Amino acid sequence: MKAEEFDAKFDAGEDLTEFMDFSTARRPNREKQKIELNLPLWMIRQLEAEAQKQGISPQTFLENYLAENLAPVR
């Protein structure tokens, strides 16, 4: 399929999934890098308590918190 035909189908709102190869698809900027972070004990306890309230790990809580609060900076 030529690009023009693909664009026309896209613009018409047609389903294009049959023309796409998702086996190599990657979400951008999702690579992870390990860091070391020293926090006061009270902060760690509060982090753990908030994570437990939500039923998630402290790491997941911190990742979510940072994503929400850093998003406006992007």
Foldseek 3Di string as FASTA:
>chain_A
DDPVVVVVCVVVVHDCVVVDDCPPDDDPPPDDDDDDDDDDPVVVVVLCVVCVVVPHHSVVSVVVVCCVVCVVVD
